[in-house]
Amino acid sequence: ELEDVVGQLAESRAAYKTLAAERQAADNEGNLAAREFSFRAAEADTLLQSLRRQVADEQAGCEDARSRAASAKAHSESIEREREEERAAHEEALEAARADAQSASDAADRTLAGVREEAAEAGRRVEEEVVEHMSSLAEALRRETAAEDEARDAVARAEKAEG
């Protein structure tokens, strides 16, 4: 019986050693898995930190782009306001020029009407003077004709008196 107990004890020892070796192998695998997990976790953390920096950089880039877009929009609106003011000033100047042109046209029409009136009056005066000169000329011709008639009559009387 002692041999049986010693045999069982040897078997138990062998089983214990096998279990201990299996446990050690399992522990080694666990430690290896834990180290691999820790390594992968560190890699994941590094990747996460890198991604966070990229996201922060992208957000800063987006904010910069938004800021530039807002600045460009404000500049565009400023230019649009300036153009609108220039257009309004141009239209106002155009209206003033139109009014000045109309005023000048009206003044020219009044001046032309005055000149036409003066020309008509001068034409009437010239016509009256022409009629007066024609009357004077007709009177002078009548006198000349009468003087010629008298001279002929005088010559005829003188010839009659001589003859």
Protein backbone atom coordinates (compact mmCIF):
# COMPACT_ATOMS: atom_id res chain seq x y z
CA GLU A 1 0.00 0.00 0.00
CA LEU A 2 2.80 2.31 0.60
CA GLU A 3 3.91 1.73 -2.88
CA ASP A 4 0.46 2.60 -4.08
CA VAL A 5 0.53 5.81 -2.08
CA VAL A 6 4.04 6.59 -3.35
CA GLY A 7 2.87 5.82 -6.90
CA GLN A 8 -0.14 8.03 -6.43
CA LEU A 9 2.06 10.65 -4.90
CA ALA A 10 4.43 10.45 -7.88
CA GLU A 11 1.48 10.62 -10.22
CA SER A 12 0.10 13.55 -8.28
CA ARG A 13 3.49 15.23 -8.39
CA ALA A 14 3.74 14.63 -12.13
CA ALA A 15 0.19 15.91 -12.57
CA TYR A 16 1.06 18.92 -10.39
CA LYS A 17 4.19 19.59 -12.42
CA THR A 18 2.18 19.25 -15.62
CA LEU A 19 -0.47 21.59 -14.23
CA ALA A 20 2.22 23.99 -13.00
CA ALA A 21 3.91 23.88 -16.41
CA GLU A 22 0.55 24.43 -18.09
CA ARG A 23 -0.21 27.22 -15.66
CA GLN A 24 3.21 28.75 -16.28
CA ALA A 25 2.63 28.45 -20.02
CA ALA A 26 -0.81 30.03 -19.57
CA ASP A 27 0.71 32.76 -17.40
CA ASN A 28 3.41 33.29 -20.01
CA GLU A 29 0.75 33.46 -22.72
CA GLY A 30 -1.30 35.79 -20.51
CA ASN A 31 1.75 37.95 -19.84
CA LEU A 32 2.55 37.94 -23.55
CA ALA A 33 -1.06 38.80 -24.36
CA ALA A 34 -1.02 41.48 -21.65
CA ARG A 35 2.21 42.94 -23.04
CA GLU A 36 0.78 42.79 -26.56
CA PHE A 37 -2.42 44.40 -25.30
CA SER A 38 -0.39 47.08 -23.50
CA PHE A 39 1.70 47.64 -26.63
CA ARG A 40 -1.42 47.84 -28.81
CA ALA A 41 -3.08 50.12 -26.25
CA ALA A 42 0.00 52.40 -26.33
CA GLU A 43 -0.09 52.35 -30.15
CA ALA A 44 -3.83 53.12 -30.06
CA ASP A 45 -3.21 55.94 -27.57
CA THR A 46 -0.44 57.34 -29.78
CA LEU A 47 -2.72 57.07 -32.80
CA LEU A 48 -5.55 58.69 -30.83
CA GLN A 49 -3.26 61.56 -29.79
CA SER A 50 -2.13 61.96 -33.41
CA LEU A 51 -5.74 61.96 -34.60
CA ARG A 52 -6.65 64.51 -31.93
CA ARG A 53 -3.80 66.76 -33.11
CA GLN A 54 -4.99 66.31 -36.72
CA VAL A 55 -8.57 67.15 -35.69
CA ALA A 56 -7.30 70.20 -33.78
CA ASP A 57 -5.23 71.25 -36.81
CA GLU A 58 -8.23 70.71 -39.09
CA GLN A 59 -10.45 72.71 -36.72
CA ALA A 60 -7.87 75.51 -36.64
CA GLY A 61 -7.72 75.38 -40.45
CA CYS A 62 -11.52 75.51 -40.61
CA GLU A 63 -11.61 78.45 -38.22
CA ASP A 64 -8.94 80.18 -40.30
CA ALA A 65 -10.95 79.48 -43.47
CA ARG A 66 -14.12 80.76 -41.79
CA SER A 67 -12.28 83.87 -40.68
CA ARG A 68 -10.92 84.46 -44.20
CA ALA A 69 -14.40 83.81 -45.66
CA ALA A 70 -15.97 86.27 -43.21
CA SER A 71 -13.28 88.83 -44.07
CA ALA A 72 -13.81 88.26 -47.80
CA LYS A 73 -17.58 88.58 -47.34
CA ALA A 74 -17.17 91.82 -45.40
CA HIS A 75 -14.80 93.12 -48.09
CA SER A 76 -17.25 92.09 -50.82
CA GLU A 77 -20.12 93.80 -49.00
CA SER A 78 -17.98 96.92 -48.59
CA ILE A 79 -17.19 96.93 -52.31
CA GLU A 80 -20.89 96.38 -53.08
CA ARG A 81 -21.84 99.34 -50.86
CA GLU A 82 -19.19 101.50 -52.58
CA ARG A 83 -20.50 100.46 -55.99
CA GLU A 84 -24.06 101.25 -54.90
CA GLU A 85 -22.96 104.66 -53.61
CA GLU A 86 -21.06 105.30 -56.86
CA ARG A 87 -24.09 104.21 -58.90
CA ALA A 88 -26.36 106.50 -56.87
CA ALA A 89 -23.91 109.40 -57.26
CA HIS A 90 -23.63 108.66 -61.00
CA GLU A 91 -27.43 108.61 -61.37
CA GLU A 92 -27.68 111.84 -59.38
CA ALA A 93 -25.01 113.48 -61.56
CA LEU A 94 -26.77 112.16 -64.66
CA GLU A 95 -30.09 113.64 -63.50
CA ALA A 96 -28.36 116.96 -62.75
CA ALA A 97 -26.75 116.90 -66.22
CA ARG A 98 -30.12 116.13 -67.80
CA ALA A 99 -31.71 119.00 -65.87
CA ASP A 100 -28.86 121.33 -66.91
CA ALA A 101 -29.20 120.20 -70.53
CA GLN A 102 -32.96 120.78 -70.43
CA SER A 103 -32.44 124.19 -68.84
CA ALA A 104 -29.84 125.06 -71.50
CA SER A 105 -32.20 123.81 -74.22
CA ASP A 106 -35.04 125.91 -72.82
CA ALA A 107 -32.74 128.95 -72.63
CA ALA A 108 -31.59 128.31 -76.21
CA ASP A 109 -35.25 128.05 -77.31
CA ARG A 110 -36.05 131.36 -75.59
CA THR A 111 -32.95 132.98 -77.11
CA LEU A 112 -33.85 131.62 -80.55
CA ALA A 113 -37.41 132.93 -80.18
CA GLY A 114 -36.00 136.34 -79.19
CA VAL A 115 -33.57 136.32 -82.11
CA ARG A 116 -36.39 135.35 -84.49
CA GLU A 117 -38.52 138.18 -83.12
CA GLU A 118 -35.65 140.62 -83.49
CA ALA A 119 -34.94 139.30 -87.00
CA ALA A 120 -38.62 139.67 -87.93
CA GLU A 121 -38.64 143.20 -86.51
CA ALA A 122 -35.42 144.04 -88.33
CA GLY A 123 -36.92 142.53 -91.51
CA ARG A 124 -40.00 144.75 -91.12
CA ARG A 125 -37.81 147.82 -90.57
CA VAL A 126 -35.67 146.96 -93.59
CA GLU A 127 -38.82 146.37 -95.61
CA GLU A 128 -40.20 149.75 -94.49
CA GLU A 129 -36.88 151.41 -95.34
CA VAL A 130 -36.88 149.67 -98.75
CA VAL A 131 -40.45 150.86 -99.35
CA GLU A 132 -39.42 154.35 -98.24
CA HIS A 133 -36.34 154.28 -100.50
CA MET A 134 -38.44 152.95 -103.36
CA SER A 135 -40.91 155.78 -102.78
CA SER A 136 -38.04 158.27 -102.68
CA LEU A 137 -36.57 156.70 -105.81
CA ALA A 138 -39.95 156.78 -107.54
CA GLU A 139 -40.35 160.40 -106.50
CA ALA A 140 -36.82 161.18 -107.77
CA LEU A 141 -37.61 159.38 -111.06
CA ARG A 142 -40.88 161.27 -111.37
CA ARG A 143 -39.06 164.57 -110.77
CA GLU A 144 -36.34 163.58 -113.21
CA THR A 145 -38.98 162.64 -115.78
CA ALA A 146 -40.82 165.92 -115.09
CA ALA A 147 -37.52 167.84 -115.39
CA GLU A 148 -36.76 166.07 -118.67
CA ASP A 149 -40.30 166.86 -119.90
CA GLU A 150 -39.83 170.51 -118.90
CA ALA A 151 -36.44 170.60 -120.56
CA ARG A 152 -37.91 169.19 -123.79
CA ASP A 153 -40.77 171.64 -123.57
CA ALA A 154 -38.25 174.46 -123.00
CA VAL A 155 -36.15 173.27 -125.95
CA ALA A 156 -39.29 173.03 -128.09
CA ARG A 157 -40.39 176.52 -127.03
CA ALA A 158 -36.94 177.90 -127.67
CA GLU A 159 -36.91 176.32 -131.15
CA LYS A 160 -40.36 177.70 -131.76
CA ALA A 161 -39.33 181.12 -130.61
CA GLU A 162 -36.34 181.10 -132.92
CA GLY A 163 -38.12 179.83 -135.83
